[in-house]
C-alpha atoms as a PDB file:
ATOM      1  CA  MET A   1      26.580  13.399   6.371  1.00  0.00           C
ATOM      2  CA  ILE A   2      26.987   9.720   5.545  1.00  0.00           C
ATOM      3  CA  LEU A   3      30.122   8.003   6.809  1.00  0.00           C
ATOM      4  CA  THR A   4      31.523   4.552   6.295  1.00  0.00           C
ATOM      5  CA  GLY A   5      34.717   2.926   7.463  1.00  0.00           C
ATOM      6  CA  HIS A   6      36.594  -0.304   7.177  1.00  0.00           C
ATOM      7  CA  GLN A   7      39.906  -1.892   8.008  1.00  0.00           C
ATOM      8  CA  PRO A   8      42.300  -1.758   5.051  1.00  0.00           C
ATOM      9  CA  ASN A   9      41.959  -5.167   3.405  1.00  0.00           C
ATOM     10  CA  TYR A  10      44.141  -6.594   0.659  1.00  0.00           C
ATOM     11  CA  LEU A  11      42.179  -6.685  -2.619  1.00  0.00           C
ATOM     12  CA  PRO A  12      38.840  -5.852  -0.950  1.00  0.00           C
ATOM     13  CA  TYR A  13      35.563  -7.391  -2.052  1.00  0.00           C
ATOM     14  CA  PRO A  14      33.149  -5.320  -4.230  1.00  0.00           C
ATOM     15  CA  GLY A  15      30.897  -4.478  -1.259  1.00  0.00           C
ATOM     16  CA  PHE A  16      33.811  -2.575   0.290  1.00  0.00           C
ATOM     17  CA  PHE A  17      33.721  -0.132  -2.621  1.00  0.00           C
ATOM     18  CA  GLU A  18      29.922  -0.083  -2.732  1.00  0.00           C
ATOM     19  CA  LYS A  19      29.925   1.262   0.841  1.00  0.00           C
ATOM     20  CA  ILE A  20      32.390   3.976  -0.163  1.00  0.00           C
ATOM     21  CA  ALA A  21      30.321   4.904  -3.235  1.00  0.00           C
ATOM     22  CA  ARG A  22      27.244   5.417  -1.026  1.00  0.00           C
ATOM     23  CA  ALA A  23      29.078   7.538   1.565  1.00  0.00           C
ATOM     24  CA  ASP A  24      30.181  11.162   1.767  1.00  0.00           C
ATOM     25  CA  ARG A  25      33.394  10.185   3.549  1.00  0.00           C
ATOM     26  CA  PHE A  26      35.406   7.019   4.153  1.00  0.00           C
ATOM     27  CA  LEU A  27      37.649   6.296   7.128  1.00  0.00           C
ATOM     28  CA  VAL A  28      40.370   3.673   6.962  1.00  0.00           C
ATOM     29  CA  VAL A  29      40.312   2.067  10.414  1.00  0.00           C
ATOM     30  CA  ASP A  30      44.048   1.561  10.776  1.00  0.00           C
ATOM     31  CA  ASN A  31      44.600   1.882  14.528  1.00  0.00           C
ATOM     32  CA  VAL A  32      42.974  -1.355  15.612  1.00  0.00           C
ATOM     33  CA  GLN A  33      44.666  -4.717  16.102  1.00  0.00           C
ATOM     34  CA  PHE A  34      46.009  -6.517  13.045  1.00  0.00           C
ATOM     35  CA  VAL A  35      44.267  -9.908  12.960  1.00  0.00           C
ATOM     36  CA  LYS A  36      45.797 -12.715  10.943  1.00  0.00           C
ATOM     37  CA  ARG A  37      43.175 -15.410  11.594  1.00  0.00           C
ATOM     38  CA  GLY A  38      39.516 -15.783  12.462  1.00  0.00           C
ATOM     39  CA  THR A  39      36.532 -13.747  11.324  1.00  0.00           C
ATOM     40  CA  PHE A  40      38.689 -10.759  10.402  1.00  0.00           C
ATOM     41  CA  GLY A  41      41.537 -12.860   8.996  1.00  0.00           C
ATOM     42  CA  TRP A  42      40.816 -11.657   5.465  1.00  0.00           C
ATOM     43  CA  MET A  43      42.805  -8.500   6.068  1.00  0.00           C
ATOM     44  CA  HIS A  44      46.058  -9.708   4.478  1.00  0.00           C
ATOM     45  CA  ARG A  45      44.699 -12.251   2.000  1.00  0.00           C
ATOM     46  CA  ASN A  46      42.051 -12.864  -0.590  1.00  0.00           C
ATOM     47  CA  ARG A  47      41.024 -15.396  -3.183  1.00  0.00           C
ATOM     48  CA  ILE A  48      41.115 -15.006  -6.944  1.00  0.00           C
ATOM     49  CA  ARG A  49      39.358 -17.103  -9.558  1.00  0.00           C
ATOM     50  CA  THR A  50      41.756 -19.454 -11.313  1.00  0.00           C
ATOM     51  CA  ASN A  51      41.818 -22.496 -13.550  1.00  0.00           C
ATOM     52  CA  SER A  52      42.885 -24.662 -10.603  1.00  0.00           C
ATOM     53  CA  PRO A  53      40.785 -27.717  -9.659  1.00  0.00           C
ATOM     54  CA  GLU A  54      39.208 -25.693  -6.819  1.00  0.00           C
ATOM     55  CA  GLY A  55      38.450 -22.770  -9.133  1.00  0.00           C
ATOM     56  CA  TRP A  56      40.315 -20.295  -6.942  1.00  0.00           C
ATOM     57  CA  ASP A  57      43.646 -19.677  -5.204  1.00  0.00           C
ATOM     58  CA  TRP A  58      44.674 -17.680  -2.159  1.00  0.00           C
ATOM     59  CA  LEU A  59      46.864 -14.608  -2.460  1.00  0.00           C
ATOM     60  CA  SER A  60      48.307 -13.774   0.963  1.00  0.00           C
ATOM     61  CA  VAL A  61      50.592 -10.874   1.810  1.00  0.00           C
ATOM     62  CA  PRO A  62      53.206 -12.141   4.270  1.00  0.00           C
ATOM     63  CA  VAL A  63      53.100  -9.967   7.380  1.00  0.00           C
ATOM     64  CA  LEU A  64      55.596 -10.068  10.244  1.00  0.00           C
ATOM     65  CA  THR A  65      53.581 -11.107  13.288  1.00  0.00           C
ATOM     66  CA  LYS A  66      55.919 -13.131  15.509  1.00  0.00           C
ATOM     67  CA  GLY A  67      55.919 -11.517  18.944  1.00  0.00           C
ATOM     68  CA  LYS A  68      53.634  -8.720  17.690  1.00  0.00           C
ATOM     69  CA  PHE A  69      50.247  -9.992  18.821  1.00  0.00           C
ATOM     70  CA  THR A  70      48.897  -6.555  19.734  1.00  0.00           C
ATOM     71  CA  GLN A  71      50.282  -4.574  16.805  1.00  0.00           C
ATOM     72  CA  GLN A  72      47.928  -2.189  15.103  1.00  0.00           C
ATOM     73  CA  ILE A  73      47.212  -2.451  11.388  1.00  0.00           C
ATOM     74  CA  ARG A  74      49.184   0.731  10.725  1.00  0.00           C
ATOM     75  CA  GLU A  75      52.237  -0.840  12.414  1.00  0.00           C
ATOM     76  CA  ALA A  76      52.165  -4.146  10.522  1.00  0.00           C
ATOM     77  CA  GLU A  77      55.222  -4.775   8.353  1.00  0.00           C
ATOM     78  CA  VAL A  78      55.291  -6.733   5.114  1.00  0.00           C
ATOM     79  CA  ASP A  79      57.752  -9.637   5.157  1.00  0.00           C
ATOM     80  CA  SER A  80      59.830  -8.932   2.068  1.00  0.00           C
ATOM     81  CA  SER A  81      61.974 -12.061   2.418  1.00  0.00           C
ATOM     82  CA  THR A  82      59.821 -13.820  -0.198  1.00  0.00           C
ATOM     83  CA  PRO A  83      58.881 -12.631  -3.716  1.00  0.00           C
ATOM     84  CA  TRP A  84      55.171 -12.555  -2.846  1.00  0.00           C
ATOM     85  CA  ALA A  85      54.353  -9.511  -5.016  1.00  0.00           C
ATOM     86  CA  ARG A  86      55.830 -11.060  -8.151  1.00  0.00           C
ATOM     87  CA  LYS A  87      53.921 -14.287  -7.454  1.00  0.00           C
ATOM     88  CA  HIS A  88      50.656 -12.384  -6.941  1.00  0.00           C
ATOM     89  CA  TRP A  89      51.055 -10.323 -10.103  1.00  0.00           C
ATOM     90  CA  ARG A  90      51.868 -13.417 -12.153  1.00  0.00           C
ATOM     91  CA  ALA A  91      48.802 -15.223 -10.799  1.00  0.00           C
ATOM     92  CA  ILE A  92      46.552 -12.266 -11.588  1.00  0.00           C
ATOM     93  CA  GLU A  93      48.073 -11.761 -15.029  1.00  0.00           C
ATOM     94  CA  TRP A  94      47.886 -15.464 -15.915  1.00  0.00           C
ATOM     95  CA  ASN A  95      44.273 -15.884 -14.795  1.00  0.00           C
ATOM     96  CA  TYR A  96      42.820 -12.568 -15.962  1.00  0.00           C
ATOM     97  CA  ARG A  97      44.838 -11.570 -19.033  1.00  0.00           C
ATOM     98  CA  ARG A  98      42.004 -12.538 -21.372  1.00  0.00           C
ATOM     99  CA  ALA A  99      39.343 -10.805 -19.296  1.00  0.00           C
ATOM    100  CA  PRO A 100      37.609  -7.796 -20.837  1.00  0.00           C
ATOM    101  CA  HIS A 101      39.440  -4.558 -19.984  1.00  0.00           C
ATOM    102  CA  PHE A 102      42.425  -6.319 -18.388  1.00  0.00           C
ATOM    103  CA  LYS A 103      44.844  -4.372 -20.581  1.00  0.00           C
ATOM    104  CA  THR A 104      43.123  -1.122 -19.652  1.00  0.00           C
ATOM    105  CA  TYR A 105      43.782  -1.574 -15.937  1.00  0.00           C
ATOM    106  CA  ALA A 106      46.829  -3.850 -15.794  1.00  0.00           C
ATOM    107  CA  ASP A 107      49.489  -1.130 -15.730  1.00  0.00           C
ATOM    108  CA  GLY A 108      48.128   0.471 -12.551  1.00  0.00           C
ATOM    109  CA  PHE A 109      48.151  -2.829 -10.707  1.00  0.00           C
ATOM    110  CA  ARG A 110      51.517  -3.898 -12.120  1.00  0.00           C
ATOM    111  CA  GLU A 111      53.022  -0.630 -10.882  1.00  0.00           C
ATOM    112  CA  LEU A 112      51.790  -1.322  -7.349  1.00  0.00           C
ATOM    113  CA  TYR A 113      53.136  -4.874  -7.413  1.00  0.00           C
ATOM    114  CA  ASP A 114      56.521  -3.582  -8.588  1.00  0.00           C
ATOM    115  CA  ARG A 115      56.968  -1.343  -5.522  1.00  0.00           C
ATOM    116  CA  PRO A 116      59.059  -2.538  -2.570  1.00  0.00           C
ATOM    117  CA  TRP A 117      56.442  -2.524   0.199  1.00  0.00           C
ATOM    118  CA  LYS A 118      57.426  -2.312   3.862  1.00  0.00           C
ATOM    119  CA  ASN A 119      54.217  -1.202   5.567  1.00  0.00           C
ATOM    120  CA  PHE A 120      51.072  -3.302   5.191  1.00  0.00           C
ATOM    121  CA  CYS A 121      48.677  -0.377   5.626  1.00  0.00           C
ATOM    122  CA  GLU A 122      50.468   1.688   2.966  1.00  0.00           C
ATOM    123  CA  LEU A 123      50.226  -1.289   0.606  1.00  0.00           C
ATOM    124  CA  THR A 124      46.512  -1.873   1.126  1.00  0.00           C
ATOM    125  CA  CYS A 125      45.638   1.832   1.070  1.00  0.00           C
ATOM    126  CA  SER A 126      47.501   2.235  -2.227  1.00  0.00           C
ATOM    127  CA  PHE A 127      45.460  -0.589  -3.759  1.00  0.00           C
ATOM    128  CA  ILE A 128      42.250   0.938  -2.385  1.00  0.00           C
ATOM    129  CA  ASP A 129      43.179   4.377  -3.788  1.00  0.00           C
ATOM    130  CA  LEU A 130      43.886   2.848  -7.200  1.00  0.00           C
ATOM    131  CA  VAL A 131      40.519   1.084  -7.347  1.00  0.00           C
ATOM    132  CA  LEU A 132      38.708   4.235  -6.186  1.00  0.00           C
ATOM    133  CA  ARG A 133      40.336   6.180  -9.048  1.00  0.00           C
ATOM    134  CA  LEU A 134      39.509   3.446 -11.565  1.00  0.00           C
ATOM    135  CA  LEU A 135      35.881   3.467 -10.408  1.00  0.00           C
ATOM    136  CA  GLY A 136      35.750   7.256 -10.632  1.00  0.00           C
ATOM    137  CA  LEU A 137      34.944   7.625  -6.923  1.00  0.00           C
ATOM    138  CA  SER A 138      36.091  10.856  -5.299  1.00  0.00           C
ATOM    139  CA  THR A 139      34.851  10.144  -1.779  1.00  0.00           C
ATOM    140  CA  PRO A 140      37.274  11.803   0.685  1.00  0.00           C
ATOM    141  CA  VAL A 141      39.417   9.226   2.516  1.00  0.00           C
ATOM    142  CA  ASP A 142      41.072   9.684   5.918  1.00  0.00           C
ATOM    143  CA  ARG A 143      42.579   7.401   8.531  1.00  0.00           C
ATOM    144  CA  THR A 144      41.309   7.032  12.065  1.00  0.00           C
ATOM    145  CA  SER A 145      44.875   7.259  13.372  1.00  0.00           C
ATOM    146  CA  ALA A 146      45.402  10.631  11.652  1.00  0.00           C
ATOM    147  CA  LEU A 147      42.204  11.968  13.218  1.00  0.00           C
ATOM    148  CA  GLY A 148      43.063  10.619  16.687  1.00  0.00           C
ATOM    149  CA  ILE A 149      39.945   8.452  16.785  1.00  0.00           C
ATOM    150  CA  THR A 150      40.155   5.445  19.112  1.00  0.00           C
ATOM    151  CA  GLY A 151      37.822   2.924  20.677  1.00  0.00           C
ATOM    152  CA  GLU A 152      36.322  -0.480  20.073  1.00  0.00           C
ATOM    153  CA  SER A 153      33.190  -1.706  18.328  1.00  0.00           C
ATOM    154  CA  THR A 154      30.248   0.636  18.893  1.00  0.00           C
ATOM    155  CA  GLY A 155      32.362   3.205  20.735  1.00  0.00           C
ATOM    156  CA  LEU A 156      34.853   3.417  17.882  1.00  0.00           C
ATOM    157  CA  VAL A 157      32.213   3.814  15.184  1.00  0.00           C
ATOM    158  CA  LEU A 158      30.320   6.445  17.197  1.00  0.00           C
ATOM    159  CA  ALA A 159      33.606   8.309  17.813  1.00  0.00           C
ATOM    160  CA  MET A 160      34.209   8.221  14.049  1.00  0.00           C
ATOM    161  CA  CYS A 161      30.749   9.694  13.449  1.00  0.00           C
ATOM    162  CA  LYS A 162      31.234  12.395  16.094  1.00  0.00           C
ATOM    163  CA  ALA A 163      34.683  13.378  14.787  1.00  0.00           C
ATOM    164  CA  THR A 164      33.378  13.762  11.237  1.00  0.00           C
ATOM    165  CA  GLY A 165      29.918  15.167  11.996  1.00  0.00           C
ATOM    166  CA  ALA A 166      28.201  12.153  10.458  1.00  0.00           C
ATOM    167  CA  ASP A 167      24.543  11.474  11.221  1.00  0.00           C
ATOM    168  CA  THR A 168      24.452   8.210   9.250  1.00  0.00           C
ATOM    169  CA  TYR A 169      26.879   5.293   9.245  1.00  0.00           C
ATOM    170  CA  ILE A 170      26.993   2.547   6.616  1.00  0.00           C
ATOM    171  CA  SER A 171      28.218  -0.656   8.219  1.00  0.00           C
ATOM    172  CA  GLY A 172      29.291  -3.818   6.478  1.00  0.00           C
ATOM    173  CA  VAL A 173      27.426  -7.100   6.333  1.00  0.00           C
ATOM    174  CA  HIS A 174      28.635  -8.125   9.803  1.00  0.00           C
ATOM    175  CA  GLY A 175      28.123  -4.715  11.430  1.00  0.00           C
ATOM    176  CA  LYS A 176      25.048  -5.759  13.361  1.00  0.00           C
ATOM    177  CA  ASP A 177      27.044  -8.652  14.856  1.00  0.00           C
ATOM    178  CA  TYR A 178      29.247  -6.281  16.855  1.00  0.00           C
ATOM    179  CA  LEU A 179      27.464  -2.905  16.920  1.00  0.00           C
ATOM    180  CA  ASP A 180      24.931  -1.895  19.575  1.00  0.00           C
ATOM    181  CA  VAL A 181      22.059  -0.657  17.391  1.00  0.00           C
ATOM    182  CA  ALA A 182      20.210   0.819  20.389  1.00  0.00           C
ATOM    183  CA  GLU A 183      23.234   2.959  21.282  1.00  0.00           C
ATOM    184  CA  PHE A 184      23.305   4.373  17.757  1.00  0.00           C
ATOM    185  CA  GLU A 185      19.627   5.311  18.157  1.00  0.00           C
ATOM    186  CA  ARG A 186      20.350   6.968  21.528  1.00  0.00           C
ATOM    187  CA  GLN A 187      23.194   8.963  19.945  1.00  0.00           C
ATOM    188  CA  GLY A 188      21.019  10.028  16.992  1.00  0.00           C
ATOM    189  CA  VAL A 189      23.092   8.220  14.371  1.00  0.00           C
ATOM    190  CA  LYS A 190      21.282   6.208  11.703  1.00  0.00           C
ATOM    191  CA  LEU A 191      22.785   2.815  11.006  1.00  0.00           C
END
């Protein structure tokens, strides 16, 4: 069985969905630390193409982080004190309204932006579920927290494989930067 997993990112890149399309099962890794900056700081933000001088703009979901340095992704709360969702939808609508098929898919996204989000993981997972449906992907999706899977780096991914009976794991582009390939070989899991 082929497994893949990823932290729930806001408006994930196409490779995120390519991994899911190639797998038999997908695990949302929601019980690891929420990271706002650094290598994994893309979790709550992404860029969209725009007509701005730079050619793109950031869309960032405001997340309450003050005093919550060790909070897990599944615990992260959306800061609803600003109209971020309305701003994001307007930016997407303004910059993509003339794109082919925009009208076909706009209602699904508009509906998500109209919801009053409190939990960051629920928000991102809802966007992921929508895109999976639009792509016609029926790969089963679970969360590591729901399956009681814990760990870090190689240990976490191997625990995910063991819990699901996977013999192959599809990692992302940076997987080899933090995974111990030799340990996967010792455990009989293809990477």
